[in-house]
Amino acid sequence: FHTFKSMEPAATDPHELELQAYNDWLLTKQIYHLKSRDFAPSFADLDIPKESARFFEVPPHSVPIQADVRTFDWPSLLNGVEQFEAIVMDPPWELTNGPPSRGVGLSYSTLTVKDIKNMPMGLLQKNGLLFVWVINSTYDTALELFEHWGYRIIGDICYSKQTNSRHLARGHGYYLQHAKETCLVGVKGTLDPAMFRSQVCSDFFEAPRTGQSQKPPSLYEMIEAAIPQGRFLEIFARRTNLRDFWLSIGNEIA
């Protein structure tokens, strides 16, 4: 592996360190032409300086990058790297123009629709699937964003929240009690049949209710089953959703 390692000068900026580690990991994966997950290069083998070690604690083969997605250098991310077959987004939607009500309080910062719309989806994906979590009040807005980014809606996935005793977990809501979350699924370009496996996943899953805005692993497992050798990206990622073989970018990683 070290014979083929990137010969670029050592980076010093934390974001450059993360990108360099990610490119080295991808290079390793491409050299071995992985057809299974049997070979899993560790970031411990990449000679990453100690000052960046905090970005790669767990999971061992995840690629977390803490950054503001509005100002992140996206072109550098794809410098010599192929695009992504699957992208997941859980945007920090603005709920209302006023303070939250009905027991709903947010523990994270939100973004305007304009900020979310400015995500460089054309740079990140030309052929692949986009998964976007939506809330009731942003459903129409999300549909407009899919069209703006050049995606065709092909369905949605329902996450039914369960209590520890496997009962329906009812939450807050203005008109109805929310007991589910919806993830819209869009496609862009042409899906390579050698890469994508159709009809292997359902559009519904049940899982225990988690913390605010935290998602269960079920969606990631479904994506990995449908695209076994894919390149995966999550935008607006959080530390609770880091996953092996995923590149995760967000300002709540640490």
C-alpha atoms as a PDB file:
ATOM      1  CA  PHE A   1       0.000   0.000   0.000  1.00  0.00           C
ATOM      2  CA  HIS A   2       2.700   2.495   0.950  1.00  0.00           C
ATOM      3  CA  THR A   3       4.293   2.053  -2.490  1.00  0.00           C
ATOM      4  CA  PHE A   4       1.162   3.518  -4.061  1.00  0.00           C
ATOM      5  CA  LYS A   5       0.440   6.086  -1.401  1.00  0.00           C
ATOM      6  CA  SER A   6      -0.218   9.641  -2.564  1.00  0.00           C
ATOM      7  CA  MET A   7       2.980  11.656  -2.907  1.00  0.00           C
ATOM      8  CA  GLU A   8       1.300  14.971  -2.160  1.00  0.00           C
ATOM      9  CA  PRO A   9       3.037  17.171   0.448  1.00  0.00           C
ATOM     10  CA  ALA A  10       1.914  16.590   4.006  1.00  0.00           C
ATOM     11  CA  ALA A  11      -1.046  18.772   4.924  1.00  0.00           C
ATOM     12  CA  THR A  12      -1.201  20.846   8.077  1.00  0.00           C
ATOM     13  CA  ASP A  13      -4.725  22.276   8.041  1.00  0.00           C
ATOM     14  CA  PRO A  14      -7.229  19.946   9.823  1.00  0.00           C
ATOM     15  CA  HIS A  15      -9.607  19.906   6.841  1.00  0.00           C
ATOM     16  CA  GLU A  16      -6.722  19.171   4.468  1.00  0.00           C
ATOM     17  CA  LEU A  17      -5.642  16.331   6.744  1.00  0.00           C
ATOM     18  CA  GLU A  18      -9.108  14.820   6.569  1.00  0.00           C
ATOM     19  CA  LEU A  19      -9.299  15.111   2.777  1.00  0.00           C
ATOM     20  CA  GLN A  20      -5.825  13.650   2.368  1.00  0.00           C
ATOM     21  CA  ALA A  21      -6.755  10.695   4.569  1.00  0.00           C
ATOM     22  CA  TYR A  22      -9.957  10.162   2.594  1.00  0.00           C
ATOM     23  CA  ASN A  23      -8.116  10.232  -0.754  1.00  0.00           C
ATOM     24  CA  ASP A  24      -5.515   7.781   0.560  1.00  0.00           C
ATOM     25  CA  TRP A  25      -8.259   5.453   1.745  1.00  0.00           C
ATOM     26  CA  LEU A  26     -10.025   5.598  -1.636  1.00  0.00           C
ATOM     27  CA  LEU A  27      -6.743   4.934  -3.431  1.00  0.00           C
ATOM     28  CA  THR A  28      -6.202   1.841  -1.302  1.00  0.00           C
ATOM     29  CA  LYS A  29      -9.722   0.622  -2.023  1.00  0.00           C
ATOM     30  CA  GLN A  30      -9.268   1.133  -5.765  1.00  0.00           C
ATOM     31  CA  ILE A  31      -5.858  -0.594  -5.866  1.00  0.00           C
ATOM     32  CA  TYR A  32      -7.274  -3.764  -4.350  1.00  0.00           C
ATOM     33  CA  HIS A  33     -10.402  -3.643  -6.578  1.00  0.00           C
ATOM     34  CA  LEU A  34     -12.569  -4.597  -3.657  1.00  0.00           C
ATOM     35  CA  LYS A  35     -15.418  -6.987  -4.413  1.00  0.00           C
ATOM     36  CA  SER A  36     -16.271  -7.546  -0.779  1.00  0.00           C
ATOM     37  CA  ARG A  37     -15.736  -5.889   2.583  1.00  0.00           C
ATOM     38  CA  ASP A  38     -13.083  -8.476   3.527  1.00  0.00           C
ATOM     39  CA  PHE A  39     -10.261  -5.972   3.077  1.00  0.00           C
ATOM     40  CA  ALA A  40     -10.751  -2.956   5.275  1.00  0.00           C
ATOM     41  CA  PRO A  41      -7.793  -0.515   5.290  1.00  0.00           C
ATOM     42  CA  SER A  42      -7.464   1.231   8.621  1.00  0.00           C
ATOM     43  CA  PHE A  43      -6.741   4.913   9.071  1.00  0.00           C
ATOM     44  CA  ALA A  44      -4.076   3.783  11.518  1.00  0.00           C
ATOM     45  CA  ASP A  45      -2.090   2.673   8.450  1.00  0.00           C
ATOM     46  CA  LEU A  46      -2.215   6.067   6.756  1.00  0.00           C
ATOM     47  CA  ASP A  47       0.398   7.857   8.882  1.00  0.00           C
ATOM     48  CA  ILE A  48      -2.087  10.574   9.819  1.00  0.00           C
ATOM     49  CA  PRO A  49      -0.512  13.159  12.156  1.00  0.00           C
ATOM     50  CA  LYS A  50      -1.593  12.896  15.764  1.00  0.00           C
ATOM     51  CA  GLU A  51      -3.282  16.309  15.710  1.00  0.00           C
ATOM     52  CA  SER A  52      -5.973  14.900  13.369  1.00  0.00           C
ATOM     53  CA  ALA A  53      -6.565  11.646  15.256  1.00  0.00           C
ATOM     54  CA  ARG A  54      -9.641  13.026  17.006  1.00  0.00           C
ATOM     55  CA  PHE A  55     -11.500  13.031  13.674  1.00  0.00           C
ATOM     56  CA  PHE A  56     -11.101   9.268  13.265  1.00  0.00           C
ATOM     57  CA  GLU A  57     -11.996   7.732  16.604  1.00  0.00           C
ATOM     58  CA  VAL A  58     -15.035   5.608  15.714  1.00  0.00           C
ATOM     59  CA  PRO A  59     -16.118   3.837  13.617  1.00  0.00           C
ATOM     60  CA  PRO A  60     -12.614   2.799  12.510  1.00  0.00           C
ATOM     61  CA  HIS A  61     -13.294   2.993   8.747  1.00  0.00           C
ATOM     62  CA  SER A  62     -15.592   6.008   8.637  1.00  0.00           C
ATOM     63  CA  VAL A  63     -14.428   9.317   7.152  1.00  0.00           C
ATOM     64  CA  PRO A  64     -15.780  12.201   9.281  1.00  0.00           C
ATOM     65  CA  ILE A  65     -15.135  15.803   8.244  1.00  0.00           C
ATOM     66  CA  GLN A  66     -16.311  18.548  10.568  1.00  0.00           C
ATOM     67  CA  ALA A  67     -17.079  21.601   8.444  1.00  0.00           C
ATOM     68  CA  ASP A  68     -19.695  24.187   7.629  1.00  0.00           C
ATOM     69  CA  VAL A  69     -21.221  22.827   4.426  1.00  0.00           C
ATOM     70  CA  ARG A  70     -21.949  26.383   3.239  1.00  0.00           C
ATOM     71  CA  THR A  71     -18.247  27.262   3.044  1.00  0.00           C
ATOM     72  CA  PHE A  72     -16.671  23.832   2.588  1.00  0.00           C
ATOM     73  CA  ASP A  73     -14.261  23.439  -0.361  1.00  0.00           C
ATOM     74  CA  TRP A  74     -16.323  20.865  -2.278  1.00  0.00           C
ATOM     75  CA  PRO A  75     -14.158  20.825  -5.444  1.00  0.00           C
ATOM     76  CA  SER A  76     -11.167  19.689  -3.363  1.00  0.00           C
ATOM     77  CA  LEU A  77     -13.202  16.759  -2.119  1.00  0.00           C
ATOM     78  CA  LEU A  78     -13.513  15.362  -5.637  1.00  0.00           C
ATOM     79  CA  ASN A  79      -9.992  16.186  -6.773  1.00  0.00           C
ATOM     80  CA  GLY A  80      -9.097  12.956  -8.585  1.00  0.00           C
ATOM     81  CA  VAL A  81     -11.923  11.054  -6.873  1.00  0.00           C
ATOM     82  CA  GLU A  82     -14.994   9.616  -8.568  1.00  0.00           C
ATOM     83  CA  GLN A  83     -18.470  10.849  -7.675  1.00  0.00           C
ATOM     84  CA  PHE A  84     -20.835   9.198  -5.222  1.00  0.00           C
ATOM     85  CA  GLU A  85     -23.418   6.534  -6.018  1.00  0.00           C
ATOM     86  CA  ALA A  86     -25.517   7.400  -2.949  1.00  0.00           C
ATOM     87  CA  ILE A  87     -25.920  10.656  -1.046  1.00  0.00           C
ATOM     88  CA  VAL A  88     -27.912  11.045   2.170  1.00  0.00           C
ATOM     89  CA  MET A  89     -29.027  14.414   3.495  1.00  0.00           C
ATOM     90  CA  ASP A  90     -30.818  15.260   6.736  1.00  0.00           C
ATOM     91  CA  PRO A  91     -31.086  19.039   6.318  1.00  0.00           C
ATOM     92  CA  PRO A  92     -31.505  21.183   9.439  1.00  0.00           C
ATOM     93  CA  TRP A  93     -34.780  22.618   8.138  1.00  0.00           C
ATOM     94  CA  GLU A  94     -36.193  25.800   9.588  1.00  0.00           C
ATOM     95  CA  LEU A  95     -39.452  24.778  11.264  1.00  0.00           C
ATOM     96  CA  THR A  96     -41.221  28.132  11.517  1.00  0.00           C
ATOM     97  CA  ASN A  97     -40.582  31.850  11.325  1.00  0.00           C
ATOM     98  CA  GLY A  98     -41.154  32.101  15.047  1.00  0.00           C
ATOM     99  CA  PRO A  99     -40.157  30.203  18.167  1.00  0.00           C
ATOM    100  CA  PRO A 100     -40.995  26.462  18.276  1.00  0.00           C
ATOM    101  CA  SER A 101     -44.275  25.510  19.897  1.00  0.00           C
ATOM    102  CA  ARG A 102     -46.240  22.453  21.009  1.00  0.00           C
ATOM    103  CA  GLY A 103     -43.268  21.058  22.903  1.00  0.00           C
ATOM    104  CA  VAL A 104     -40.945  21.114  19.893  1.00  0.00           C
ATOM    105  CA  GLY A 105     -37.549  22.631  20.674  1.00  0.00           C
ATOM    106  CA  LEU A 106     -34.457  22.317  18.512  1.00  0.00           C
ATOM    107  CA  SER A 107     -31.026  21.517  19.926  1.00  0.00           C
ATOM    108  CA  TYR A 108     -29.207  22.419  16.708  1.00  0.00           C
ATOM    109  CA  SER A 109     -28.830  25.346  14.317  1.00  0.00           C
ATOM    110  CA  THR A 110     -31.038  25.508  11.235  1.00  0.00           C
ATOM    111  CA  LEU A 111     -30.371  26.615   7.650  1.00  0.00           C
ATOM    112  CA  THR A 112     -32.463  28.563   5.211  1.00  0.00           C
ATOM    113  CA  VAL A 113     -33.856  26.888   2.112  1.00  0.00           C
ATOM    114  CA  LYS A 114     -31.487  29.054   0.070  1.00  0.00           C
ATOM    115  CA  ASP A 115     -28.470  27.613   1.892  1.00  0.00           C
ATOM    116  CA  ILE A 116     -29.684  24.059   1.357  1.00  0.00           C
ATOM    117  CA  LYS A 117     -30.466  24.778  -2.292  1.00  0.00           C
ATOM    118  CA  ASN A 118     -26.880  25.923  -2.815  1.00  0.00           C
ATOM    119  CA  MET A 119     -25.472  22.459  -2.106  1.00  0.00           C
ATOM    120  CA  PRO A 120     -23.328  21.542  -5.173  1.00  0.00           C
ATOM    121  CA  MET A 121     -25.241  18.398  -6.070  1.00  0.00           C
ATOM    122  CA  GLY A 122     -24.198  18.604  -9.727  1.00  0.00           C
ATOM    123  CA  LEU A 123     -20.566  18.403  -8.661  1.00  0.00           C
ATOM    124  CA  LEU A 124     -21.113  15.502  -6.281  1.00  0.00           C
ATOM    125  CA  GLN A 125     -23.360  13.245  -8.337  1.00  0.00           C
ATOM    126  CA  LYS A 126     -24.310  12.762 -11.980  1.00  0.00           C
ATOM    127  CA  ASN A 127     -25.515   9.139 -11.814  1.00  0.00           C
ATOM    128  CA  GLY A 128     -26.909   7.903  -8.536  1.00  0.00           C
ATOM    129  CA  LEU A 129     -29.490   8.066  -5.786  1.00  0.00           C
ATOM    130  CA  LEU A 130     -30.281  10.913  -3.392  1.00  0.00           C
ATOM    131  CA  PHE A 131     -31.986  10.321  -0.041  1.00  0.00           C
ATOM    132  CA  VAL A 132     -33.345  13.380   1.769  1.00  0.00           C
ATOM    133  CA  TRP A 133     -35.126  13.344   5.127  1.00  0.00           C
ATOM    134  CA  VAL A 134     -38.062  15.753   5.203  1.00  0.00           C
ATOM    135  CA  ILE A 135     -40.592  17.046   7.699  1.00  0.00           C
ATOM    136  CA  ASN A 136     -44.242  17.753   6.915  1.00  0.00           C
ATOM    137  CA  SER A 137     -43.809  21.503   6.559  1.00  0.00           C
ATOM    138  CA  THR A 138     -40.911  21.143   4.087  1.00  0.00           C
ATOM    139  CA  TYR A 139     -42.305  18.388   1.882  1.00  0.00           C
ATOM    140  CA  ASP A 140     -43.218  20.695  -1.006  1.00  0.00           C
ATOM    141  CA  THR A 141     -39.928  22.557  -0.654  1.00  0.00           C
ATOM    142  CA  ALA A 142     -37.981  19.302  -0.830  1.00  0.00           C
ATOM    143  CA  LEU A 143     -39.774  18.329  -4.034  1.00  0.00           C
ATOM    144  CA  GLU A 144     -38.746  21.659  -5.555  1.00  0.00           C
ATOM    145  CA  LEU A 145     -35.139  21.071  -4.479  1.00  0.00           C
ATOM    146  CA  PHE A 146     -35.056  17.646  -6.116  1.00  0.00           C
ATOM    147  CA  GLU A 147     -36.211  19.209  -9.371  1.00  0.00           C
ATOM    148  CA  HIS A 148     -33.720  22.073  -9.048  1.00  0.00           C
ATOM    149  CA  TRP A 149     -30.851  19.611  -8.523  1.00  0.00           C
ATOM    150  CA  GLY A 150     -31.919  17.507 -11.511  1.00  0.00           C
ATOM    151  CA  TYR A 151     -33.406  14.483  -9.743  1.00  0.00           C
ATOM    152  CA  ARG A 152     -36.552  12.516 -10.466  1.00  0.00           C
ATOM    153  CA  ILE A 153     -38.500  11.346  -7.419  1.00  0.00           C
ATOM    154  CA  ILE A 154     -38.860   7.552  -7.455  1.00  0.00           C
ATOM    155  CA  GLY A 155     -40.389   6.980  -4.027  1.00  0.00           C
ATOM    156  CA  ASP A 156     -40.105   7.537  -0.312  1.00  0.00           C
ATOM    157  CA  ILE A 157     -39.062   5.486   2.704  1.00  0.00           C
ATOM    158  CA  CYS A 158     -41.072   5.536   5.923  1.00  0.00           C
ATOM    159  CA  TYR A 159     -39.365   5.161   9.299  1.00  0.00           C
ATOM    160  CA  SER A 160     -41.943   4.090  11.893  1.00  0.00           C
ATOM    161  CA  LYS A 161     -40.779   4.975  15.398  1.00  0.00           C
ATOM    162  CA  GLN A 162     -41.117   2.360  18.126  1.00  0.00           C
ATOM    163  CA  THR A 163     -40.867   2.508  21.904  1.00  0.00           C
ATOM    164  CA  ASN A 164     -38.640   0.099  23.827  1.00  0.00           C
ATOM    165  CA  SER A 165     -41.700  -2.087  24.306  1.00  0.00           C
ATOM    166  CA  ARG A 166     -42.291  -2.111  20.515  1.00  0.00           C
ATOM    167  CA  HIS A 167     -45.344   0.129  20.648  1.00  0.00           C
ATOM    168  CA  LEU A 168     -45.870   3.045  18.296  1.00  0.00           C
ATOM    169  CA  ALA A 169     -43.870   6.006  19.588  1.00  0.00           C
ATOM    170  CA  ARG A 170     -46.150   9.025  19.326  1.00  0.00           C
ATOM    171  CA  GLY A 171     -44.502  12.436  19.255  1.00  0.00           C
ATOM    172  CA  HIS A 172     -45.453  16.090  18.948  1.00  0.00           C
ATOM    173  CA  GLY A 173     -47.304  17.622  16.030  1.00  0.00           C
ATOM    174  CA  TYR A 174     -49.484  20.579  15.154  1.00  0.00           C
ATOM    175  CA  TYR A 175     -52.455  18.673  13.722  1.00  0.00           C
ATOM    176  CA  LEU A 176     -51.424  15.031  14.159  1.00  0.00           C
ATOM    177  CA  GLN A 177     -49.044  13.278  16.515  1.00  0.00           C
ATOM    178  CA  HIS A 178     -45.924  12.412  14.557  1.00  0.00           C
ATOM    179  CA  ALA A 179     -44.922   8.760  14.844  1.00  0.00           C
ATOM    180  CA  LYS A 180     -42.901   8.445  11.646  1.00  0.00           C
ATOM    181  CA  GLU A 181     -40.320  10.191   9.496  1.00  0.00           C
ATOM    182  CA  THR A 182     -40.125  10.298   5.725  1.00  0.00           C
ATOM    183  CA  CYS A 183     -37.099  10.072   3.471  1.00  0.00           C
ATOM    184  CA  LEU A 184     -37.601  11.065  -0.176  1.00  0.00           C
ATOM    185  CA  VAL A 185     -35.635   9.114  -2.780  1.00  0.00           C
ATOM    186  CA  GLY A 186     -34.569  10.581  -6.119  1.00  0.00           C
ATOM    187  CA  VAL A 187     -32.532   9.323  -9.056  1.00  0.00           C
ATOM    188  CA  LYS A 188     -30.292  11.222 -11.432  1.00  0.00           C
ATOM    189  CA  GLY A 189     -28.750  10.032 -14.681  1.00  0.00           C
ATOM    190  CA  THR A 190     -28.307   6.328 -15.420  1.00  0.00           C
ATOM    191  CA  LEU A 191     -27.854   3.636 -12.788  1.00  0.00           C
ATOM    192  CA  ASP A 192     -25.247   1.046 -13.751  1.00  0.00           C
ATOM    193  CA  PRO A 193     -26.924  -2.377 -13.299  1.00  0.00           C
ATOM    194  CA  ALA A 194     -23.530  -3.827 -12.387  1.00  0.00           C
ATOM    195  CA  MET A 195     -23.396  -1.426  -9.444  1.00  0.00           C
ATOM    196  CA  PHE A 196     -27.034  -1.076  -8.340  1.00  0.00           C
ATOM    197  CA  ARG A 197     -29.200  -3.963  -7.143  1.00  0.00           C
ATOM    198  CA  SER A 198     -32.921  -3.330  -7.546  1.00  0.00           C
ATOM    199  CA  GLN A 199     -35.782  -4.620  -5.404  1.00  0.00           C
ATOM    200  CA  VAL A 200     -33.602  -5.635  -2.475  1.00  0.00           C
ATOM    201  CA  CYS A 201     -34.993  -3.062  -0.034  1.00  0.00           C
ATOM    202  CA  SER A 202     -38.393  -2.103   1.311  1.00  0.00           C
ATOM    203  CA  ASP A 203     -39.830   1.408   1.504  1.00  0.00           C
ATOM    204  CA  PHE A 204     -40.755   0.894   5.165  1.00  0.00           C
ATOM    205  CA  PHE A 205     -38.892  -0.021   8.325  1.00  0.00           C
ATOM    206  CA  GLU A 206     -39.558  -0.008  12.054  1.00  0.00           C
ATOM    207  CA  ALA A 207     -36.892   0.961  14.564  1.00  0.00           C
ATOM    208  CA  PRO A 208     -36.685   2.266  18.135  1.00  0.00           C
ATOM    209  CA  ARG A 209     -37.080   6.003  18.544  1.00  0.00           C
ATOM    210  CA  THR A 210     -33.704   7.703  18.939  1.00  0.00           C
ATOM    211  CA  GLY A 211     -32.541  11.161  20.007  1.00  0.00           C
ATOM    212  CA  GLN A 212     -33.637  14.347  18.271  1.00  0.00           C
ATOM    213  CA  SER A 213     -32.738  14.210  14.572  1.00  0.00           C
ATOM    214  CA  GLN A 214     -30.775  10.989  15.103  1.00  0.00           C
ATOM    215  CA  LYS A 215     -31.575   8.295  12.560  1.00  0.00           C
ATOM    216  CA  PRO A 216     -31.368   4.508  13.053  1.00  0.00           C
ATOM    217  CA  PRO A 217     -28.884   2.478  10.968  1.00  0.00           C
ATOM    218  CA  SER A 218     -31.640   0.863   8.898  1.00  0.00           C
ATOM    219  CA  LEU A 219     -31.476   3.344   6.001  1.00  0.00           C
ATOM    220  CA  TYR A 220     -27.703   3.019   5.708  1.00  0.00           C
ATOM    221  CA  GLU A 221     -28.010  -0.774   5.714  1.00  0.00           C
ATOM    222  CA  MET A 222     -30.607  -0.598   2.947  1.00  0.00           C
ATOM    223  CA  ILE A 223     -28.371   1.622   0.815  1.00  0.00           C
ATOM    224  CA  GLU A 224     -25.350  -0.618   1.329  1.00  0.00           C
ATOM    225  CA  ALA A 225     -27.414  -3.660   0.347  1.00  0.00           C
ATOM    226  CA  ALA A 226     -28.610  -1.946  -2.835  1.00  0.00           C
ATOM    227  CA  ILE A 227     -25.158  -0.618  -3.786  1.00  0.00           C
ATOM    228  CA  PRO A 228     -22.607  -3.063  -2.284  1.00  0.00           C
ATOM    229  CA  GLN A 229     -19.552  -1.441  -3.890  1.00  0.00           C
ATOM    230  CA  GLY A 230     -20.802   2.132  -3.815  1.00  0.00           C
ATOM    231  CA  ARG A 231     -19.207   5.346  -2.668  1.00  0.00           C
ATOM    232  CA  PHE A 232     -21.369   6.870   0.067  1.00  0.00           C
ATOM    233  CA  LEU A 233     -21.678  10.471   1.228  1.00  0.00           C
ATOM    234  CA  GLU A 234     -23.759  12.005   4.005  1.00  0.00           C
ATOM    235  CA  ILE A 235     -24.227  15.777   4.115  1.00  0.00           C
ATOM    236  CA  PHE A 236     -25.307  17.460   7.391  1.00  0.00           C
ATOM    237  CA  ALA A 237     -23.953  14.395   9.170  1.00  0.00           C
ATOM    238  CA  ARG A 238     -23.787  14.099  12.943  1.00  0.00           C
ATOM    239  CA  ARG A 239     -21.488  12.123  15.177  1.00  0.00           C
ATOM    240  CA  THR A 240     -24.298   9.733  16.100  1.00  0.00           C
ATOM    241  CA  ASN A 241     -24.637   8.652  12.447  1.00  0.00           C
ATOM    242  CA  LEU A 242     -20.996   8.017  11.533  1.00  0.00           C
ATOM    243  CA  ARG A 243     -20.596   4.730   9.686  1.00  0.00           C
ATOM    244  CA  ASP A 244     -17.824   2.607   8.220  1.00  0.00           C
ATOM    245  CA  PHE A 245     -17.110   3.259   4.530  1.00  0.00           C
ATOM    246  CA  TRP A 246     -19.120   6.500   4.548  1.00  0.00           C
ATOM    247  CA  LEU A 247     -17.802  10.002   4.080  1.00  0.00           C
ATOM    248  CA  SER A 248     -19.683  12.197   6.550  1.00  0.00           C
ATOM    249  CA  ILE A 249     -19.592  16.006   6.444  1.00  0.00           C
ATOM    250  CA  GLY A 250     -21.253  18.343   8.932  1.00  0.00           C
ATOM    251  CA  ASN A 251     -20.658  20.847  11.697  1.00  0.00           C
ATOM    252  CA  GLU A 252     -21.831  18.437  14.450  1.00  0.00           C
ATOM    253  CA  ILE A 253     -19.259  15.689  13.910  1.00  0.00           C
ATOM    254  CA  ALA A 254     -17.133  16.438  16.971  1.00  0.00           C
END
